[in-house]
Every structure is written in structure tokens, then in C-alpha cells.
Amino acid sequence: LIARTPEKFREGGIEVRLNTEVASVSYEKNIVELKDGKKIPFDILVMATGTRALVPDFPGIDRPGIFTLKNLEDAIKIKSYLRENNCRKAIIIGAGFIAMEMSEALHMAGIKTTIFHRGNLPANRWDAELSKLMLEELNNNGVEFIAGAETSAIENGKKAPLRAVTNHGSWEADMMIVAVGVKPDVELAQAMGLKSGTSGAIAVNFSQQTSLENVYAAGDCCESYHRV
């Protein structure tokens, strides 16, 4: 990815406002209201709000040392926590793409890593043959993979700050990463009356147009058509 500064965007006629949150959208008045009270008119509106990390609802999920990984800020927080707390053991809840990447990164950093997964194979959205190779690679590198694991709570540990309670017993760790997937960020879209599809993401047609005229959606916040 190539990062461009707001100044670089401005050279091309695009104004970028960083650290700016949209509070609401008035479709009837064609106005976007920012959290600081400023109002910006529009003729065409594009929703590109992406996704949010899913966070399970069980006791202790908000304890210090538990992270999701969705953006660069999350990565910086994780690296800072690992360094400041001299972490030696980590638990990853989930076994998708992010979990696989993080298990490798933690292992390379010399941190003993355990993965909890509800299924039998990692990355089970892909072909089983590939998932079996991944599991073999995890085992060869000493990454513990607990299949069929359902986490019910996170408590204070005795030998480490955190303890995960599962249907297969309890494991202690210095830090945990929750990587159970993402969901479309459609809160703003729903508030302005945009229709959602069967998946819960914003419904669009072949032109990325939403249920409201002059409002479009693109990226992970909206549904997509199969190419065929």
C-alpha cells in the first residue's frame, strides 16, 4: 500500500480530514454532520466504513492485555504491551487469517503461543487440504492448537496476568488476542435508513448504489455480487 499525506491528496483536488468522526447524516437535507458540530453539504455520498472486529460477549473480555487486531493503532498497542510487560505466553482466540499471521509473528518473537478454535482445523473457510498443512506447520513450530475450544470467561491467572477458561480446561497467558472475525460497520448507514442485505451489510446494486438515490457504498461495509 502507498500512503499519501493529506497534502498530497489536496494536490489532486481531494480534501482529506483525519481524526474526524461523522456524527450523523441527513439525507433529506444532503448534509453530513461531524462530531465537532460542523456541517458539510453533499450531492453524492459514498459509504466506505469497512468492518469492525468482532468481540465475544463473555466475562473478562475487557481486561487489560486483551487485544483485537484491526488497524495499525492496534498493532502498535500490541507491540508496546509485549515489550513493556516482558510477555512470554500468549493466547489467540480464533484461527482465521489474522490468527495465523499473529501466531507466526509471536512465535518468531520467542513467545509461547496457544490457539483456541471452535473448529477442528485452522482457517476452515478455505480448503481442508490447505488447513491440514497449516495445522502441521503450527505443530512443527511448537504452536499449541486446541480444537473444539469454546472460551467461557477470562479471569486473573495465578502464574500469569490472564487465565482463559474453556470447555477443555484453563490456560494462563501474559496477553491475549481475540481474532474471531469482523462484521460490516453499518451503524451510520442504518441510522440514515439504508437497506441492509441478507448478510447484514449494506445492500447495493451492480453500480454500488444503495437503496437511496445518490448514495453509494463500497468495500467491506457492503454486499457484493458473485462475478459469475
C-alpha atoms as a PDB file:
ATOM      1  CA  LEU A   1       0.000   0.000   0.000  1.00  0.00           C
ATOM      2  CA  ILE A   2       1.154   3.512  -0.795  1.00  0.00           C
ATOM      3  CA  ALA A   3       0.428   6.014   1.946  1.00  0.00           C
ATOM      4  CA  ARG A   4      -0.348   9.544   0.830  1.00  0.00           C
ATOM      5  CA  THR A   5      -0.426  12.609   3.047  1.00  0.00           C
ATOM      6  CA  PRO A   6      -3.473  14.892   3.117  1.00  0.00           C
ATOM      7  CA  GLU A   7      -1.314  17.465   1.351  1.00  0.00           C
ATOM      8  CA  LYS A   8      -0.640  15.026  -1.496  1.00  0.00           C
ATOM      9  CA  PHE A   9      -4.354  14.296  -1.841  1.00  0.00           C
ATOM     10  CA  ARG A  10      -5.077  18.037  -1.899  1.00  0.00           C
ATOM     11  CA  GLU A  11      -2.835  18.421  -4.965  1.00  0.00           C
ATOM     12  CA  GLY A  12      -5.300  16.183  -6.796  1.00  0.00           C
ATOM     13  CA  GLY A  13      -8.327  18.138  -5.607  1.00  0.00           C
ATOM     14  CA  ILE A  14      -9.279  15.774  -2.764  1.00  0.00           C
ATOM     15  CA  GLU A  15      -9.668  17.103   0.772  1.00  0.00           C
ATOM     16  CA  VAL A  16      -8.818  14.575   3.480  1.00  0.00           C
ATOM     17  CA  ARG A  17      -9.806  15.249   7.086  1.00  0.00           C
ATOM     18  CA  LEU A  18      -8.028  12.993   9.562  1.00  0.00           C
ATOM     19  CA  ASN A  19      -9.180  12.344  13.145  1.00  0.00           C
ATOM     20  CA  THR A  20     -12.674  13.366  12.044  1.00  0.00           C
ATOM     21  CA  GLU A  21     -15.768  11.420  13.082  1.00  0.00           C
ATOM     22  CA  VAL A  22     -19.154  11.681  11.396  1.00  0.00           C
ATOM     23  CA  ALA A  23     -21.937  12.048  13.944  1.00  0.00           C
ATOM     24  CA  SER A  24     -24.921  11.779  11.591  1.00  0.00           C
ATOM     25  CA  VAL A  25     -26.110  12.080   8.017  1.00  0.00           C
ATOM     26  CA  SER A  26     -29.259  13.946   6.983  1.00  0.00           C
ATOM     27  CA  TYR A  27     -30.269  12.510   3.611  1.00  0.00           C
ATOM     28  CA  GLU A  28     -33.241  14.873   3.324  1.00  0.00           C
ATOM     29  CA  LYS A  29     -31.024  17.940   3.763  1.00  0.00           C
ATOM     30  CA  ASN A  30     -27.976  16.421   1.993  1.00  0.00           C
ATOM     31  CA  ILE A  31     -25.756  17.237   4.959  1.00  0.00           C
ATOM     32  CA  VAL A  32     -23.063  15.282   6.812  1.00  0.00           C
ATOM     33  CA  GLU A  33     -22.678  16.478  10.408  1.00  0.00           C
ATOM     34  CA  LEU A  34     -19.319  15.949  12.080  1.00  0.00           C
ATOM     35  CA  LYS A  35     -18.836  15.260  15.769  1.00  0.00           C
ATOM     36  CA  ASP A  36     -17.407  18.760  16.307  1.00  0.00           C
ATOM     37  CA  GLY A  37     -20.668  20.258  15.024  1.00  0.00           C
ATOM     38  CA  LYS A  38     -19.510  21.241  11.545  1.00  0.00           C
ATOM     39  CA  LYS A  39     -21.899  20.509   8.681  1.00  0.00           C
ATOM     40  CA  ILE A  40     -20.774  19.561   5.180  1.00  0.00           C
ATOM     41  CA  PRO A  41     -23.231  19.506   2.240  1.00  0.00           C
ATOM     42  CA  PHE A  42     -23.086  16.788  -0.413  1.00  0.00           C
ATOM     43  CA  ASP A  43     -24.532  15.941  -3.798  1.00  0.00           C
ATOM     44  CA  ILE A  44     -23.259  12.356  -3.823  1.00  0.00           C
ATOM     45  CA  LEU A  45     -22.384  10.342  -0.712  1.00  0.00           C
ATOM     46  CA  VAL A  46     -20.190   7.231  -0.613  1.00  0.00           C
ATOM     47  CA  MET A  47     -20.210   4.944   2.413  1.00  0.00           C
ATOM     48  CA  ALA A  48     -16.851   3.155   2.836  1.00  0.00           C
ATOM     49  CA  THR A  49     -16.857   2.436   6.557  1.00  0.00           C
ATOM     50  CA  GLY A  50     -15.355  -1.058   6.300  1.00  0.00           C
ATOM     51  CA  THR A  51     -15.651  -3.529   9.154  1.00  0.00           C
ATOM     52  CA  ARG A  52     -15.312  -3.755  12.910  1.00  0.00           C
ATOM     53  CA  ALA A  53     -13.588  -6.546  14.789  1.00  0.00           C
ATOM     54  CA  LEU A  54     -15.995  -8.968  16.454  1.00  0.00           C
ATOM     55  CA  VAL A  55     -15.633  -9.088  20.244  1.00  0.00           C
ATOM     56  CA  PRO A  56     -17.214 -12.079  22.061  1.00  0.00           C
ATOM     57  CA  ASP A  57     -19.534 -11.310  24.950  1.00  0.00           C
ATOM     58  CA  PHE A  58     -18.182 -13.271  27.892  1.00  0.00           C
ATOM     59  CA  PRO A  59     -16.936 -12.205  31.355  1.00  0.00           C
ATOM     60  CA  GLY A  60     -13.480 -10.640  31.481  1.00  0.00           C
ATOM     61  CA  ILE A  61     -13.176  -9.764  27.799  1.00  0.00           C
ATOM     62  CA  ASP A  62     -12.420  -6.131  28.709  1.00  0.00           C
ATOM     63  CA  ARG A  63      -9.432  -6.932  30.932  1.00  0.00           C
ATOM     64  CA  PRO A  64      -6.071  -5.226  30.260  1.00  0.00           C
ATOM     65  CA  GLY A  65      -3.844  -7.296  27.995  1.00  0.00           C
ATOM     66  CA  ILE A  66      -6.653  -8.447  25.677  1.00  0.00           C
ATOM     67  CA  PHE A  67      -6.499  -7.074  22.133  1.00  0.00           C
ATOM     68  CA  THR A  68      -8.141  -7.199  18.732  1.00  0.00           C
ATOM     69  CA  LEU A  69      -6.096  -6.527  15.605  1.00  0.00           C
ATOM     70  CA  LYS A  70      -7.860  -4.383  13.012  1.00  0.00           C
ATOM     71  CA  ASN A  71      -5.550  -1.473  12.215  1.00  0.00           C
ATOM     72  CA  LEU A  72      -2.093  -0.002  12.706  1.00  0.00           C
ATOM     73  CA  GLU A  73      -3.010   1.535  16.081  1.00  0.00           C
ATOM     74  CA  ASP A  74      -3.971  -1.925  17.384  1.00  0.00           C
ATOM     75  CA  ALA A  75      -0.637  -3.329  16.186  1.00  0.00           C
ATOM     76  CA  ILE A  76       1.296  -0.546  17.941  1.00  0.00           C
ATOM     77  CA  LYS A  77      -0.612  -1.184  21.194  1.00  0.00           C
ATOM     78  CA  ILE A  78       0.141  -4.912  20.987  1.00  0.00           C
ATOM     79  CA  LYS A  79       3.857  -4.364  20.362  1.00  0.00           C
ATOM     80  CA  SER A  80       4.062  -1.834  23.207  1.00  0.00           C
ATOM     81  CA  TYR A  81       2.290  -4.180  25.619  1.00  0.00           C
ATOM     82  CA  LEU A  82       4.538  -7.118  24.684  1.00  0.00           C
ATOM     83  CA  ARG A  83       7.638  -5.006  25.239  1.00  0.00           C
ATOM     84  CA  GLU A  84       6.560  -3.258  28.454  1.00  0.00           C
ATOM     85  CA  ASN A  85       5.282  -6.421  30.139  1.00  0.00           C
ATOM     86  CA  ASN A  86       8.030  -8.820  29.011  1.00  0.00           C
ATOM     87  CA  CYS A  87       5.407 -11.289  27.739  1.00  0.00           C
ATOM     88  CA  ARG A  88       6.362 -14.940  27.390  1.00  0.00           C
ATOM     89  CA  LYS A  89       2.988 -16.620  26.807  1.00  0.00           C
ATOM     90  CA  ALA A  90       0.144 -15.603  24.503  1.00  0.00           C
ATOM     91  CA  ILE A  91      -3.290 -16.988  23.660  1.00  0.00           C
ATOM     92  CA  ILE A  92      -5.072 -16.374  20.369  1.00  0.00           C
ATOM     93  CA  ILE A  93      -8.832 -16.917  20.305  1.00  0.00           C
ATOM     94  CA  GLY A  94      -9.770 -17.778  16.727  1.00  0.00           C
ATOM     95  CA  ALA A  95      -7.909 -19.429  13.865  1.00  0.00           C
ATOM     96  CA  GLY A  96      -8.532 -17.368  10.761  1.00  0.00           C
ATOM     97  CA  PHE A  97      -6.114 -15.369   8.623  1.00  0.00           C
ATOM     98  CA  ILE A  98      -5.253 -12.803  11.330  1.00  0.00           C
ATOM     99  CA  ALA A  99      -4.741 -15.572  13.905  1.00  0.00           C
ATOM    100  CA  MET A 100      -2.362 -17.427  11.590  1.00  0.00           C
ATOM    101  CA  GLU A 101      -0.339 -14.268  10.905  1.00  0.00           C
ATOM    102  CA  MET A 102      -0.166 -13.408  14.611  1.00  0.00           C
ATOM    103  CA  SER A 103       0.797 -16.947  15.678  1.00  0.00           C
ATOM    104  CA  GLU A 104       3.784 -16.749  13.341  1.00  0.00           C
ATOM    105  CA  ALA A 105       4.768 -13.255  14.494  1.00  0.00           C
ATOM    106  CA  LEU A 106       4.527 -14.185  18.187  1.00  0.00           C
ATOM    107  CA  HIS A 107       6.427 -17.439  17.643  1.00  0.00           C
ATOM    108  CA  MET A 108       9.206 -15.578  15.817  1.00  0.00           C
ATOM    109  CA  ALA A 109       9.369 -13.191  18.787  1.00  0.00           C
ATOM    110  CA  GLY A 110      10.014 -16.121  21.121  1.00  0.00           C
ATOM    111  CA  ILE A 111       6.561 -16.081  22.730  1.00  0.00           C
ATOM    112  CA  LYS A 112       4.893 -19.424  23.536  1.00  0.00           C
ATOM    113  CA  THR A 113       1.572 -19.312  21.699  1.00  0.00           C
ATOM    114  CA  THR A 114      -1.669 -21.256  22.114  1.00  0.00           C
ATOM    115  CA  ILE A 115      -4.600 -21.054  19.676  1.00  0.00           C
ATOM    116  CA  PHE A 116      -8.210 -21.745  20.701  1.00  0.00           C
ATOM    117  CA  HIS A 117     -10.531 -22.661  17.834  1.00  0.00           C
ATOM    118  CA  ARG A 118     -14.127 -23.884  17.799  1.00  0.00           C
ATOM    119  CA  GLY A 119     -13.497 -25.998  14.691  1.00  0.00           C
ATOM    120  CA  ASN A 120     -11.115 -28.857  14.036  1.00  0.00           C
ATOM    121  CA  LEU A 121      -8.818 -27.158  11.514  1.00  0.00           C
ATOM    122  CA  PRO A 122      -7.363 -23.652  11.248  1.00  0.00           C
ATOM    123  CA  ALA A 123      -8.571 -21.287   8.515  1.00  0.00           C
ATOM    124  CA  ASN A 124     -11.533 -23.572   7.833  1.00  0.00           C
ATOM    125  CA  ARG A 125     -13.089 -21.147   5.349  1.00  0.00           C
ATOM    126  CA  TRP A 126     -10.515 -22.475   2.888  1.00  0.00           C
ATOM    127  CA  ASP A 127      -9.952 -25.972   1.539  1.00  0.00           C
ATOM    128  CA  ALA A 128      -9.342 -28.686   4.134  1.00  0.00           C
ATOM    129  CA  GLU A 129      -6.130 -29.768   2.372  1.00  0.00           C
ATOM    130  CA  LEU A 130      -4.642 -26.312   2.946  1.00  0.00           C
ATOM    131  CA  SER A 131      -5.896 -26.189   6.540  1.00  0.00           C
ATOM    132  CA  LYS A 132      -4.230 -29.543   7.278  1.00  0.00           C
ATOM    133  CA  LEU A 133      -0.910 -28.171   6.019  1.00  0.00           C
ATOM    134  CA  MET A 134      -1.337 -25.131   8.269  1.00  0.00           C
ATOM    135  CA  LEU A 135      -2.040 -27.330  11.287  1.00  0.00           C
ATOM    136  CA  GLU A 136       1.035 -29.407  10.516  1.00  0.00           C
ATOM    137  CA  GLU A 137       3.130 -26.244  10.288  1.00  0.00           C
ATOM    138  CA  LEU A 138       1.771 -24.986  13.611  1.00  0.00           C
ATOM    139  CA  ASN A 139       2.619 -28.301  15.289  1.00  0.00           C
ATOM    140  CA  ASN A 140       6.104 -28.388  13.755  1.00  0.00           C
ATOM    141  CA  ASN A 141       6.835 -24.962  15.214  1.00  0.00           C
ATOM    142  CA  GLY A 142       5.502 -25.702  18.691  1.00  0.00           C
ATOM    143  CA  VAL A 143       2.354 -23.566  18.442  1.00  0.00           C
ATOM    144  CA  GLU A 144      -0.311 -25.285  20.531  1.00  0.00           C
ATOM    145  CA  PHE A 145      -3.630 -25.712  18.687  1.00  0.00           C
ATOM    146  CA  ILE A 146      -6.704 -26.526  20.803  1.00  0.00           C
ATOM    147  CA  ALA A 147      -9.527 -27.743  18.549  1.00  0.00           C
ATOM    148  CA  GLY A 148     -13.187 -27.569  19.584  1.00  0.00           C
ATOM    149  CA  ALA A 149     -12.371 -24.956  22.215  1.00  0.00           C
ATOM    150  CA  GLU A 150     -15.125 -22.656  23.498  1.00  0.00           C
ATOM    151  CA  THR A 151     -13.917 -19.830  25.749  1.00  0.00           C
ATOM    152  CA  SER A 152     -16.406 -19.008  28.502  1.00  0.00           C
ATOM    153  CA  ALA A 153     -14.509 -16.436  30.598  1.00  0.00           C
ATOM    154  CA  ILE A 154     -11.194 -14.710  31.179  1.00  0.00           C
ATOM    155  CA  GLU A 155     -10.033 -14.430  34.785  1.00  0.00           C
ATOM    156  CA  ASN A 156      -6.990 -13.406  36.774  1.00  0.00           C
ATOM    157  CA  GLY A 157      -4.258 -16.005  36.468  1.00  0.00           C
ATOM    158  CA  LYS A 158      -2.059 -17.381  39.251  1.00  0.00           C
ATOM    159  CA  LYS A 159       1.252 -17.539  37.386  1.00  0.00           C
ATOM    160  CA  ALA A 160       0.328 -15.046  34.666  1.00  0.00           C
ATOM    161  CA  PRO A 161      -1.959 -11.983  34.496  1.00  0.00           C
ATOM    162  CA  LEU A 162      -4.709 -13.734  32.492  1.00  0.00           C
ATOM    163  CA  ARG A 163      -6.416 -17.115  32.527  1.00  0.00           C
ATOM    164  CA  ALA A 164      -8.776 -18.301  29.799  1.00  0.00           C
ATOM    165  CA  VAL A 165     -11.485 -20.724  30.912  1.00  0.00           C
ATOM    166  CA  THR A 166     -12.637 -23.129  28.181  1.00  0.00           C
ATOM    167  CA  ASN A 167     -14.578 -26.382  27.812  1.00  0.00           C
ATOM    168  CA  HIS A 168     -11.175 -28.135  27.617  1.00  0.00           C
ATOM    169  CA  GLY A 169      -9.733 -26.605  30.760  1.00  0.00           C
ATOM    170  CA  SER A 170      -7.886 -23.394  31.631  1.00  0.00           C
ATOM    171  CA  TRP A 171      -4.762 -21.803  30.153  1.00  0.00           C
ATOM    172  CA  GLU A 172      -2.780 -18.866  31.521  1.00  0.00           C
ATOM    173  CA  ALA A 173      -1.057 -16.195  29.452  1.00  0.00           C
ATOM    174  CA  ASP A 174       0.537 -12.770  29.643  1.00  0.00           C
ATOM    175  CA  MET A 175      -1.620 -11.416  26.809  1.00  0.00           C
ATOM    176  CA  MET A 176      -4.461 -12.496  24.529  1.00  0.00           C
ATOM    177  CA  ILE A 177      -5.555 -11.644  21.012  1.00  0.00           C
ATOM    178  CA  VAL A 178      -9.177 -12.072  20.005  1.00  0.00           C
ATOM    179  CA  ALA A 179      -9.369 -12.842  16.274  1.00  0.00           C
ATOM    180  CA  VAL A 180     -12.829 -14.317  15.715  1.00  0.00           C
ATOM    181  CA  GLY A 181     -13.666 -12.296  12.619  1.00  0.00           C
ATOM    182  CA  VAL A 182     -15.195  -8.987  11.606  1.00  0.00           C
ATOM    183  CA  LYS A 183     -18.628  -7.570  10.890  1.00  0.00           C
ATOM    184  CA  PRO A 184     -19.675  -4.767   8.496  1.00  0.00           C
ATOM    185  CA  ASP A 185     -19.647  -1.324  10.110  1.00  0.00           C
ATOM    186  CA  VAL A 186     -23.186  -0.264   9.179  1.00  0.00           C
ATOM    187  CA  GLU A 187     -24.257   1.728  12.228  1.00  0.00           C
ATOM    188  CA  LEU A 188     -24.202   5.056  10.377  1.00  0.00           C
ATOM    189  CA  ALA A 189     -25.824   3.540   7.287  1.00  0.00           C
ATOM    190  CA  GLN A 190     -28.706   2.078   9.290  1.00  0.00           C
ATOM    191  CA  ALA A 191     -29.231   5.360  11.119  1.00  0.00           C
ATOM    192  CA  MET A 192     -29.782   7.150   7.799  1.00  0.00           C
ATOM    193  CA  GLY A 193     -32.164   4.468   6.562  1.00  0.00           C
ATOM    194  CA  LEU A 194     -30.061   2.478   4.097  1.00  0.00           C
ATOM    195  CA  LYS A 195     -31.331  -1.050   3.497  1.00  0.00           C
ATOM    196  CA  SER A 196     -29.175  -3.995   4.539  1.00  0.00           C
ATOM    197  CA  GLY A 197     -28.801  -7.251   2.642  1.00  0.00           C
ATOM    198  CA  THR A 198     -29.188 -10.788   3.972  1.00  0.00           C
ATOM    199  CA  SER A 199     -25.608 -10.751   5.311  1.00  0.00           C
ATOM    200  CA  GLY A 200     -26.201  -7.617   7.379  1.00  0.00           C
ATOM    201  CA  ALA A 201     -24.013  -5.469   5.126  1.00  0.00           C
ATOM    202  CA  ILE A 202     -25.346  -2.549   3.066  1.00  0.00           C
ATOM    203  CA  ALA A 203     -27.388  -3.712   0.059  1.00  0.00           C
ATOM    204  CA  VAL A 204     -26.156  -2.382  -3.306  1.00  0.00           C
ATOM    205  CA  ASN A 205     -26.873  -2.952  -6.987  1.00  0.00           C
ATOM    206  CA  PHE A 206     -24.365  -3.607  -9.800  1.00  0.00           C
ATOM    207  CA  SER A 207     -23.411   0.093  -9.752  1.00  0.00           C
ATOM    208  CA  GLN A 208     -22.737   0.065  -5.983  1.00  0.00           C
ATOM    209  CA  GLN A 209     -25.848   2.222  -5.496  1.00  0.00           C
ATOM    210  CA  THR A 210     -27.689   1.785  -2.206  1.00  0.00           C
ATOM    211  CA  SER A 211     -31.426   1.947  -1.562  1.00  0.00           C
ATOM    212  CA  LEU A 212     -31.234   5.764  -1.611  1.00  0.00           C
ATOM    213  CA  GLU A 213     -30.539   7.759  -4.742  1.00  0.00           C
ATOM    214  CA  ASN A 214     -27.111   9.444  -4.919  1.00  0.00           C
ATOM    215  CA  VAL A 215     -25.821   7.294  -2.036  1.00  0.00           C
ATOM    216  CA  TYR A 216     -23.295   4.578  -2.871  1.00  0.00           C
ATOM    217  CA  ALA A 217     -21.343   2.034  -0.829  1.00  0.00           C
ATOM    218  CA  ALA A 218     -18.050   0.269  -1.498  1.00  0.00           C
ATOM    219  CA  GLY A 219     -15.700  -2.061   0.321  1.00  0.00           C
ATOM    220  CA  ASP A 220     -16.326  -4.389   3.239  1.00  0.00           C
ATOM    221  CA  CYS A 221     -19.295  -2.414   4.589  1.00  0.00           C
ATOM    222  CA  CYS A 222     -21.489  -3.518   1.657  1.00  0.00           C
ATOM    223  CA  GLU A 223     -22.532  -6.705  -0.068  1.00  0.00           C
ATOM    224  CA  SER A 224     -21.052  -7.793  -3.391  1.00  0.00           C
ATOM    225  CA  TYR A 225     -22.199  -9.826  -6.342  1.00  0.00           C
ATOM    226  CA  HIS A 226     -20.506 -13.030  -7.380  1.00  0.00           C
ATOM    227  CA  ARG A 227     -18.525 -12.413 -10.579  1.00  0.00           C
ATOM    228  CA  VAL A 228     -20.296 -15.232 -12.383  1.00  0.00           C
END
